[in-house]
Amino acid sequence: MNSNHQKVEKAVFDTIDQLNRQLSARNRLTKNRNELVIGEDSKLDSLGLINFLVACEQNIEVLTGQKINLTGDEMFANANSTLGTVGDFIDYISNQISNSENE
């Protein structure tokens, strides 16, 4: 696992901790790569999802120095593959950062 991937994972897990402080016990996310972020069985409603994405943007920028947009059309065009689970989300963001560094 490369350094950016570890930083992104930490940023996402930190975001989950932040978000969980605002959620009821039954709606809290687990810091698990298989936790659903979007979809019928996700614990997040639409507002919770947006809060999660915006907080992730901020935490990722702090930890990686990379400014990314997670609320744009590209993110939602393939939402099931980019946002399906926490693991999918971490992998997607890590790949986006790696690709931007290689350009």
N, C-alpha and C. Protein backbone atom coordinates (compact mmCIF):
# COMPACT_ATOMS: atom_id res chain seq x y z
N MET A 1 0.85 -1.17 0.00
CA MET A 1 0.00 0.00 0.00
C MET A 1 0.90 1.24 0.00
N ASN A 2 0.65 2.17 -0.93
CA ASN A 2 1.51 3.35 -1.00
C ASN A 2 1.10 4.40 0.02
N SER A 3 1.95 5.38 0.17
CA SER A 3 1.77 6.42 1.18
C SER A 3 0.46 7.18 1.00
N ASN A 4 0.13 7.55 -0.26
CA ASN A 4 -1.11 8.27 -0.50
C ASN A 4 -2.32 7.42 -0.12
N HIS A 5 -2.26 6.14 -0.44
CA HIS A 5 -3.38 5.25 -0.12
C HIS A 5 -3.59 5.20 1.39
N GLN A 6 -2.51 5.12 2.14
CA GLN A 6 -2.61 5.09 3.60
C GLN A 6 -3.16 6.42 4.13
N LYS A 7 -2.74 7.53 3.54
CA LYS A 7 -3.23 8.84 3.97
C LYS A 7 -4.72 8.99 3.66
N VAL A 8 -5.12 8.53 2.49
CA VAL A 8 -6.54 8.60 2.11
C VAL A 8 -7.36 7.73 3.04
N GLU A 9 -6.88 6.53 3.32
CA GLU A 9 -7.61 5.65 4.24
C GLU A 9 -7.75 6.31 5.61
N LYS A 10 -6.68 6.91 6.12
CA LYS A 10 -6.75 7.60 7.40
C LYS A 10 -7.75 8.75 7.34
N ALA A 11 -7.72 9.53 6.27
CA ALA A 11 -8.65 10.66 6.12
C ALA A 11 -10.10 10.19 6.11
N VAL A 12 -10.37 9.11 5.40
CA VAL A 12 -11.74 8.58 5.33
C VAL A 12 -12.16 8.04 6.70
N PHE A 13 -11.30 7.30 7.36
CA PHE A 13 -11.64 6.77 8.68
C PHE A 13 -11.80 7.89 9.70
N ASP A 14 -10.98 8.94 9.61
CA ASP A 14 -11.15 10.11 10.48
C ASP A 14 -12.50 10.77 10.23
N THR A 15 -12.89 10.84 8.96
CA THR A 15 -14.19 11.41 8.61
C THR A 15 -15.33 10.59 9.20
N ILE A 16 -15.19 9.27 9.14
CA ILE A 16 -16.21 8.41 9.73
C ILE A 16 -16.34 8.69 11.22
N ASP A 17 -15.21 8.85 11.91
CA ASP A 17 -15.24 9.19 13.33
C ASP A 17 -15.98 10.51 13.56
N GLN A 18 -15.67 11.51 12.74
CA GLN A 18 -16.31 12.83 12.87
C GLN A 18 -17.81 12.73 12.64
N LEU A 19 -18.18 12.03 11.59
CA LEU A 19 -19.58 11.89 11.22
C LEU A 19 -20.34 11.11 12.29
N ASN A 20 -19.73 10.06 12.82
CA ASN A 20 -20.40 9.23 13.81
C ASN A 20 -20.77 10.01 15.06
N ARG A 21 -20.02 11.04 15.38
CA ARG A 21 -20.35 11.87 16.55
C ARG A 21 -21.68 12.59 16.37
N GLN A 22 -22.12 12.74 15.12
CA GLN A 22 -23.37 13.43 14.81
C GLN A 22 -24.54 12.47 14.58
N LEU A 23 -24.25 11.18 14.48
CA LEU A 23 -25.28 10.20 14.12
C LEU A 23 -25.76 9.42 15.34
N SER A 24 -26.98 8.93 15.25
CA SER A 24 -27.48 8.04 16.30
C SER A 24 -26.71 6.73 16.22
N ALA A 25 -26.74 5.98 17.31
CA ALA A 25 -25.96 4.73 17.39
C ALA A 25 -26.28 3.77 16.24
N ARG A 26 -27.52 3.66 15.87
CA ARG A 26 -27.88 2.69 14.82
C ARG A 26 -27.50 3.15 13.42
N ASN A 27 -27.21 4.45 13.25
CA ASN A 27 -26.84 4.98 11.94
C ASN A 27 -25.36 5.20 11.77
N ARG A 28 -24.57 4.85 12.76
CA ARG A 28 -23.12 5.07 12.67
C ARG A 28 -22.47 4.10 11.70
N LEU A 29 -21.46 4.61 11.01
CA LEU A 29 -20.68 3.79 10.08
C LEU A 29 -19.56 3.10 10.83
N THR A 30 -19.18 1.94 10.36
CA THR A 30 -18.02 1.25 10.92
C THR A 30 -16.81 1.59 10.05
N LYS A 31 -15.65 1.59 10.67
CA LYS A 31 -14.41 1.83 9.91
C LYS A 31 -13.96 0.50 9.33
N ASN A 32 -14.69 0.10 8.30
CA ASN A 32 -14.50 -1.20 7.67
C ASN A 32 -14.60 -0.99 6.17
N ARG A 33 -13.70 -1.56 5.42
CA ARG A 33 -13.70 -1.39 3.96
C ARG A 33 -14.98 -1.91 3.31
N ASN A 34 -15.71 -2.78 3.98
CA ASN A 34 -16.94 -3.33 3.40
C ASN A 34 -18.20 -2.55 3.78
N GLU A 35 -18.05 -1.51 4.60
CA GLU A 35 -19.20 -0.68 4.99
C GLU A 35 -19.77 0.02 3.76
N LEU A 36 -21.09 -0.08 3.59
CA LEU A 36 -21.74 0.57 2.45
C LEU A 36 -21.83 2.08 2.67
N VAL A 37 -21.48 2.83 1.63
CA VAL A 37 -21.56 4.28 1.68
C VAL A 37 -22.81 4.76 0.95
N ILE A 38 -23.14 4.08 -0.12
CA ILE A 38 -24.30 4.47 -0.93
C ILE A 38 -25.08 3.20 -1.27
N GLY A 39 -26.35 3.39 -1.47
CA GLY A 39 -27.20 2.26 -1.83
C GLY A 39 -28.30 2.05 -0.81
N GLU A 40 -29.15 1.13 -1.12
CA GLU A 40 -30.34 0.87 -0.31
C GLU A 40 -30.01 0.50 1.13
N ASP A 41 -28.94 -0.23 1.34
CA ASP A 41 -28.59 -0.68 2.69
C ASP A 41 -27.59 0.22 3.41
N SER A 42 -27.24 1.36 2.79
CA SER A 42 -26.32 2.30 3.43
C SER A 42 -27.01 2.96 4.62
N LYS A 43 -26.24 3.27 5.63
CA LYS A 43 -26.77 3.96 6.81
C LYS A 43 -26.90 5.46 6.60
N LEU A 44 -26.31 5.97 5.51
CA LEU A 44 -26.33 7.41 5.24
C LEU A 44 -27.52 7.78 4.36
N ASP A 45 -28.24 8.83 4.76
CA ASP A 45 -29.24 9.41 3.87
C ASP A 45 -28.52 10.38 2.94
N SER A 46 -29.25 11.07 2.08
CA SER A 46 -28.59 11.95 1.10
C SER A 46 -27.81 13.07 1.76
N LEU A 47 -28.34 13.67 2.81
CA LEU A 47 -27.63 14.73 3.52
C LEU A 47 -26.39 14.18 4.23
N GLY A 48 -26.52 13.00 4.82
CA GLY A 48 -25.38 12.36 5.47
C GLY A 48 -24.27 12.05 4.48
N LEU A 49 -24.66 11.64 3.27
CA LEU A 49 -23.67 11.34 2.22
C LEU A 49 -22.92 12.61 1.82
N ILE A 50 -23.65 13.71 1.62
CA ILE A 50 -22.99 14.96 1.24
C ILE A 50 -22.06 15.43 2.36
N ASN A 51 -22.52 15.34 3.60
CA ASN A 51 -21.66 15.71 4.74
C ASN A 51 -20.39 14.86 4.76
N PHE A 52 -20.55 13.57 4.50
CA PHE A 52 -19.41 12.64 4.46
C PHE A 52 -18.43 13.05 3.37
N LEU A 53 -18.93 13.34 2.18
CA LEU A 53 -18.06 13.69 1.05
C LEU A 53 -17.32 15.00 1.28
N VAL A 54 -18.01 16.01 1.78
CA VAL A 54 -17.38 17.31 2.01
C VAL A 54 -16.31 17.18 3.11
N ALA A 55 -16.62 16.47 4.18
CA ALA A 55 -15.64 16.27 5.25
C ALA A 55 -14.44 15.48 4.74
N CYS A 56 -14.68 14.49 3.87
CA CYS A 56 -13.57 13.74 3.27
C CYS A 56 -12.68 14.64 2.44
N GLU A 57 -13.29 15.52 1.63
CA GLU A 57 -12.50 16.46 0.84
C GLU A 57 -11.54 17.25 1.73
N GLN A 58 -12.07 17.75 2.82
CA GLN A 58 -11.26 18.57 3.73
C GLN A 58 -10.16 17.74 4.38
N ASN A 59 -10.49 16.56 4.89
CA ASN A 59 -9.50 15.72 5.56
C ASN A 59 -8.43 15.22 4.60
N ILE A 60 -8.82 14.90 3.38
CA ILE A 60 -7.86 14.43 2.39
C ILE A 60 -6.89 15.54 2.01
N GLU A 61 -7.41 16.75 1.86
CA GLU A 61 -6.53 17.88 1.53
C GLU A 61 -5.51 18.12 2.65
N VAL A 62 -5.96 18.04 3.89
CA VAL A 62 -5.05 18.24 5.03
C VAL A 62 -3.96 17.18 5.05
N LEU A 63 -4.33 15.92 4.83
CA LEU A 63 -3.36 14.82 4.96
C LEU A 63 -2.49 14.60 3.73
N THR A 64 -3.01 14.92 2.53
CA THR A 64 -2.25 14.64 1.31
C THR A 64 -1.76 15.90 0.60
N GLY A 65 -2.36 17.03 0.94
CA GLY A 65 -2.04 18.26 0.22
C GLY A 65 -2.74 18.36 -1.12
N GLN A 66 -3.59 17.39 -1.43
CA GLN A 66 -4.30 17.36 -2.71
C GLN A 66 -5.72 17.87 -2.52
N LYS A 67 -6.10 18.84 -3.34
CA LYS A 67 -7.48 19.35 -3.33
C LYS A 67 -8.27 18.52 -4.34
N ILE A 68 -9.32 17.88 -3.87
CA ILE A 68 -10.13 17.06 -4.76
C ILE A 68 -11.60 17.45 -4.62
N ASN A 69 -12.37 17.16 -5.67
CA ASN A 69 -13.81 17.43 -5.67
C ASN A 69 -14.54 16.11 -5.66
N LEU A 70 -15.22 15.84 -4.54
CA LEU A 70 -15.95 14.58 -4.41
C LEU A 70 -17.45 14.75 -4.58
N THR A 71 -17.89 15.96 -4.86
CA THR A 71 -19.33 16.18 -5.01
C THR A 71 -19.71 16.52 -6.45
N GLY A 72 -18.79 16.34 -7.38
CA GLY A 72 -19.06 16.66 -8.78
C GLY A 72 -19.72 15.51 -9.53
N ASP A 73 -20.04 15.77 -10.77
CA ASP A 73 -20.74 14.80 -11.61
C ASP A 73 -19.97 13.51 -11.78
N GLU A 74 -18.64 13.60 -11.91
CA GLU A 74 -17.83 12.40 -12.14
C GLU A 74 -17.99 11.39 -11.01
N MET A 75 -18.07 11.88 -9.78
CA MET A 75 -18.22 11.00 -8.63
C MET A 75 -19.54 10.23 -8.69
N PHE A 76 -20.60 10.91 -9.09
CA PHE A 76 -21.91 10.29 -9.05
C PHE A 76 -22.27 9.55 -10.34
N ALA A 77 -21.51 9.78 -11.41
CA ALA A 77 -21.79 9.10 -12.67
C ALA A 77 -21.63 7.59 -12.52
N ASN A 78 -20.68 7.16 -11.72
CA ASN A 78 -20.44 5.74 -11.47
C ASN A 78 -20.49 5.47 -9.98
N ALA A 79 -21.50 5.98 -9.32
CA ALA A 79 -21.57 5.98 -7.85
C ALA A 79 -21.42 4.58 -7.25
N ASN A 80 -21.97 3.57 -7.89
CA ASN A 80 -21.88 2.23 -7.30
C ASN A 80 -20.46 1.69 -7.28
N SER A 81 -19.62 2.12 -8.24
CA SER A 81 -18.24 1.64 -8.23
C SER A 81 -17.31 2.58 -7.48
N THR A 82 -17.63 3.87 -7.43
CA THR A 82 -16.76 4.83 -6.73
C THR A 82 -17.14 4.99 -5.28
N LEU A 83 -18.40 4.76 -4.95
CA LEU A 83 -18.90 5.00 -3.61
C LEU A 83 -19.54 3.79 -2.97
N GLY A 84 -19.58 2.67 -3.64
CA GLY A 84 -20.31 1.51 -3.12
C GLY A 84 -19.98 1.20 -1.67
N THR A 85 -18.70 0.98 -1.40
CA THR A 85 -18.25 0.68 -0.05
C THR A 85 -17.14 1.65 0.34
N VAL A 86 -16.81 1.67 1.60
CA VAL A 86 -15.70 2.50 2.08
C VAL A 86 -14.42 2.12 1.32
N GLY A 87 -14.20 0.84 1.12
CA GLY A 87 -13.01 0.38 0.40
C GLY A 87 -12.98 0.86 -1.04
N ASP A 88 -14.14 0.78 -1.74
CA ASP A 88 -14.23 1.28 -3.11
C ASP A 88 -13.89 2.76 -3.16
N PHE A 89 -14.43 3.49 -2.20
CA PHE A 89 -14.23 4.94 -2.11
C PHE A 89 -12.75 5.28 -1.89
N ILE A 90 -12.12 4.60 -0.96
CA ILE A 90 -10.69 4.82 -0.67
C ILE A 90 -9.85 4.52 -1.91
N ASP A 91 -10.12 3.40 -2.56
CA ASP A 91 -9.37 3.01 -3.76
C ASP A 91 -9.56 4.03 -4.88
N TYR A 92 -10.79 4.48 -5.08
CA TYR A 92 -11.09 5.46 -6.12
C TYR A 92 -10.31 6.76 -5.89
N ILE A 93 -10.37 7.28 -4.67
CA ILE A 93 -9.68 8.54 -4.37
C ILE A 93 -8.17 8.37 -4.51
N SER A 94 -7.64 7.27 -4.01
CA SER A 94 -6.19 7.01 -4.12
C SER A 94 -5.76 6.99 -5.58
N ASN A 95 -6.55 6.35 -6.43
CA ASN A 95 -6.24 6.30 -7.86
C ASN A 95 -6.32 7.68 -8.49
N GLN A 96 -7.31 8.49 -8.09
CA GLN A 96 -7.44 9.84 -8.63
C GLN A 96 -6.22 10.68 -8.27
N ILE A 97 -5.77 10.57 -7.03
CA ILE A 97 -4.59 11.32 -6.59
C ILE A 97 -3.35 10.86 -7.33
N SER A 98 -3.17 9.55 -7.46
CA SER A 98 -2.01 9.01 -8.18
C SER A 98 -2.02 9.48 -9.63
N ASN A 99 -3.19 9.43 -10.26
CA ASN A 99 -3.29 9.86 -11.67
C ASN A 99 -2.98 11.34 -11.81
N SER A 100 -3.42 12.17 -10.88
CA SER A 100 -3.15 13.61 -10.99
C SER A 100 -1.67 13.91 -10.77
N GLU A 101 -1.01 13.10 -9.95
CA GLU A 101 0.43 13.30 -9.73
C GLU A 101 1.26 12.88 -10.93
N ASN A 102 0.72 11.94 -11.72
CA ASN A 102 1.45 11.44 -12.89
C ASN A 102 1.22 12.28 -14.14
N GLU A 103 0.36 13.26 -14.05
CA GLU A 103 0.06 14.09 -15.24
C GLU A 103 1.08 15.19 -15.40
